[in-house]
Amino acid sequence: MTDDANQSQISRLWRWIKSPPQVYVAYLVGLLLVWMVSFYAGTLNPRHGTGFGPPPISPPISAPKN
């Protein structure tokens, strides 16, 4: 019985959201959530691995001047 009640509430809510004024607000809220998550992910600092890292750059070897 509760599944039927939940299904009808969900379907009524979905029909309400799909009506023209609410769908614009739902779209903007979705865009805002995507922007906030991507902004937060962009501000996170990457973890640096514990390893040797890249090899050091050696100075170039010059040819003898003769």
N, C-alpha and C. Protein backbone atom coordinates (compact mmCIF):
# COMPACT_ATOMS: atom_id res chain seq x y z
N MET A 1 0.82 -1.19 0.00
CA MET A 1 0.00 0.00 0.00
C MET A 1 0.86 1.26 0.00
N THR A 2 1.96 1.24 0.75
CA THR A 2 2.79 2.44 0.81
C THR A 2 3.54 2.66 -0.51
N ASP A 3 3.86 1.57 -1.23
CA ASP A 3 4.51 1.75 -2.53
C ASP A 3 3.59 2.47 -3.50
N ASP A 4 2.30 2.15 -3.47
CA ASP A 4 1.34 2.82 -4.34
C ASP A 4 1.23 4.30 -3.98
N ALA A 5 1.21 4.58 -2.68
CA ALA A 5 1.11 5.98 -2.23
C ALA A 5 2.37 6.75 -2.62
N ASN A 6 3.54 6.11 -2.46
CA ASN A 6 4.79 6.77 -2.83
C ASN A 6 4.87 6.99 -4.33
N GLN A 7 4.42 6.00 -5.10
CA GLN A 7 4.45 6.14 -6.56
C GLN A 7 3.55 7.28 -7.01
N SER A 8 2.37 7.38 -6.40
CA SER A 8 1.47 8.45 -6.82
C SER A 8 2.03 9.82 -6.42
N GLN A 9 2.67 9.91 -5.26
CA GLN A 9 3.27 11.18 -4.85
C GLN A 9 4.43 11.55 -5.77
N ILE A 10 5.23 10.55 -6.13
CA ILE A 10 6.35 10.82 -7.02
C ILE A 10 5.85 11.23 -8.39
N SER A 11 4.83 10.54 -8.89
CA SER A 11 4.33 10.88 -10.22
C SER A 11 3.65 12.26 -10.21
N ARG A 12 2.96 12.59 -9.11
CA ARG A 12 2.36 13.93 -9.02
C ARG A 12 3.45 15.00 -8.95
N LEU A 13 4.50 14.72 -8.19
CA LEU A 13 5.61 15.67 -8.09
C LEU A 13 6.28 15.84 -9.44
N TRP A 14 6.49 14.74 -10.17
CA TRP A 14 7.12 14.81 -11.48
C TRP A 14 6.27 15.60 -12.46
N ARG A 15 4.95 15.39 -12.43
CA ARG A 15 4.05 16.14 -13.30
C ARG A 15 4.08 17.63 -12.94
N TRP A 16 4.17 17.94 -11.65
CA TRP A 16 4.22 19.34 -11.20
C TRP A 16 5.51 20.00 -11.67
N ILE A 17 6.64 19.26 -11.58
CA ILE A 17 7.93 19.83 -11.98
C ILE A 17 7.97 20.06 -13.49
N LYS A 18 7.31 19.20 -14.26
CA LYS A 18 7.34 19.32 -15.72
C LYS A 18 6.45 20.42 -16.26
N SER A 19 5.68 21.08 -15.42
CA SER A 19 4.85 22.19 -15.91
C SER A 19 5.75 23.40 -16.18
N PRO A 20 5.39 24.26 -17.14
CA PRO A 20 6.30 25.30 -17.64
C PRO A 20 7.00 26.19 -16.62
N PRO A 21 6.37 26.79 -15.63
CA PRO A 21 7.19 27.67 -14.77
C PRO A 21 8.20 26.90 -13.92
N GLN A 22 7.80 25.72 -13.45
CA GLN A 22 8.68 24.98 -12.56
C GLN A 22 9.85 24.34 -13.31
N VAL A 23 9.65 23.99 -14.57
CA VAL A 23 10.73 23.34 -15.30
C VAL A 23 11.89 24.30 -15.53
N TYR A 24 11.62 25.59 -15.68
CA TYR A 24 12.69 26.57 -15.83
C TYR A 24 13.50 26.68 -14.54
N VAL A 25 12.82 26.69 -13.43
CA VAL A 25 13.51 26.77 -12.14
C VAL A 25 14.31 25.50 -11.90
N ALA A 26 13.74 24.35 -12.22
CA ALA A 26 14.46 23.09 -12.03
C ALA A 26 15.71 23.05 -12.91
N TYR A 27 15.61 23.54 -14.13
CA TYR A 27 16.77 23.59 -15.03
C TYR A 27 17.85 24.50 -14.46
N LEU A 28 17.48 25.66 -13.97
CA LEU A 28 18.47 26.59 -13.41
C LEU A 28 19.11 26.02 -12.15
N VAL A 29 18.30 25.35 -11.33
CA VAL A 29 18.86 24.73 -10.12
C VAL A 29 19.84 23.64 -10.50
N GLY A 30 19.52 22.85 -11.53
CA GLY A 30 20.44 21.82 -11.99
C GLY A 30 21.74 22.41 -12.52
N LEU A 31 21.64 23.49 -13.30
CA LEU A 31 22.85 24.16 -13.79
C LEU A 31 23.69 24.70 -12.64
N LEU A 32 23.03 25.28 -11.66
CA LEU A 32 23.75 25.81 -10.50
C LEU A 32 24.46 24.70 -9.73
N LEU A 33 23.81 23.56 -9.57
CA LEU A 33 24.45 22.44 -8.87
C LEU A 33 25.66 21.91 -9.63
N VAL A 34 25.54 21.80 -10.94
CA VAL A 34 26.67 21.33 -11.75
C VAL A 34 27.82 22.33 -11.65
N TRP A 35 27.51 23.64 -11.71
CA TRP A 35 28.56 24.65 -11.61
C TRP A 35 29.23 24.60 -10.23
N MET A 36 28.44 24.45 -9.18
CA MET A 36 29.02 24.41 -7.83
C MET A 36 29.91 23.20 -7.64
N VAL A 37 29.50 22.04 -8.13
CA VAL A 37 30.32 20.84 -7.98
C VAL A 37 31.61 20.97 -8.78
N SER A 38 31.52 21.50 -10.00
CA SER A 38 32.74 21.64 -10.80
C SER A 38 33.66 22.71 -10.21
N PHE A 39 33.11 23.77 -9.65
CA PHE A 39 33.93 24.79 -9.01
C PHE A 39 34.64 24.21 -7.79
N TYR A 40 33.91 23.45 -6.99
CA TYR A 40 34.51 22.83 -5.80
C TYR A 40 35.59 21.84 -6.20
N ALA A 41 35.34 21.05 -7.23
CA ALA A 41 36.34 20.08 -7.67
C ALA A 41 37.57 20.79 -8.22
N GLY A 42 37.40 21.94 -8.83
CA GLY A 42 38.53 22.69 -9.35
C GLY A 42 39.37 23.35 -8.28
N THR A 43 38.81 23.57 -7.10
CA THR A 43 39.57 24.21 -6.03
C THR A 43 40.31 23.22 -5.15
N LEU A 44 40.08 21.93 -5.34
CA LEU A 44 40.77 20.94 -4.53
C LEU A 44 42.23 20.84 -4.94
N ASN A 45 43.10 20.66 -3.98
CA ASN A 45 44.52 20.50 -4.26
C ASN A 45 44.81 19.04 -4.57
N PRO A 46 45.57 18.77 -5.62
CA PRO A 46 45.89 17.38 -5.92
C PRO A 46 46.88 16.82 -4.90
N ARG A 47 46.77 15.54 -4.66
CA ARG A 47 47.72 14.90 -3.74
C ARG A 47 48.99 14.59 -4.51
N HIS A 48 50.10 14.88 -3.88
CA HIS A 48 51.38 14.60 -4.51
C HIS A 48 51.84 13.22 -4.07
N GLY A 49 52.27 12.42 -5.02
CA GLY A 49 52.73 11.07 -4.72
C GLY A 49 54.06 11.10 -4.01
N THR A 50 54.35 10.04 -3.28
CA THR A 50 55.63 9.95 -2.61
C THR A 50 56.53 9.09 -3.47
N GLY A 51 57.31 9.70 -4.28
CA GLY A 51 58.21 8.97 -5.16
C GLY A 51 59.41 9.83 -5.46
N PHE A 52 60.14 9.42 -6.46
CA PHE A 52 61.34 10.17 -6.81
C PHE A 52 61.00 11.41 -7.63
N GLY A 53 59.93 11.40 -8.34
CA GLY A 53 59.58 12.54 -9.16
C GLY A 53 60.31 12.47 -10.49
N PRO A 54 60.22 13.53 -11.25
CA PRO A 54 60.90 13.53 -12.55
C PRO A 54 62.42 13.62 -12.36
N PRO A 55 63.18 13.09 -13.31
CA PRO A 55 64.63 13.17 -13.18
C PRO A 55 65.12 14.61 -13.32
N PRO A 56 66.20 14.96 -12.64
CA PRO A 56 66.72 16.32 -12.76
C PRO A 56 67.26 16.59 -14.16
N ILE A 57 67.19 17.82 -14.57
CA ILE A 57 67.69 18.21 -15.89
C ILE A 57 69.17 18.51 -15.76
N SER A 58 69.98 17.80 -16.55
CA SER A 58 71.42 18.03 -16.48
C SER A 58 71.79 19.18 -17.42
N PRO A 59 72.87 19.89 -17.12
CA PRO A 59 73.26 21.01 -17.99
C PRO A 59 73.72 20.46 -19.35
N PRO A 60 73.47 21.21 -20.39
CA PRO A 60 73.91 20.73 -21.71
C PRO A 60 75.42 20.64 -21.81
N ILE A 61 75.89 19.64 -22.52
CA ILE A 61 77.34 19.45 -22.71
C ILE A 61 77.74 20.25 -23.94
N SER A 62 78.71 21.12 -23.75
CA SER A 62 79.15 21.93 -24.89
C SER A 62 80.34 21.27 -25.57
N ALA A 63 80.44 21.48 -26.83
CA ALA A 63 81.55 20.92 -27.61
C ALA A 63 82.81 21.75 -27.34
N PRO A 64 83.97 21.08 -27.40
CA PRO A 64 85.22 21.84 -27.19
C PRO A 64 85.44 22.85 -28.32
N LYS A 65 86.02 23.98 -27.97
CA LYS A 65 86.27 25.03 -28.96
C LYS A 65 87.68 24.87 -29.51
N ASN A 66 87.82 24.41 -30.71
CA ASN A 66 89.13 24.27 -31.37
C ASN A 66 89.12 24.93 -32.69
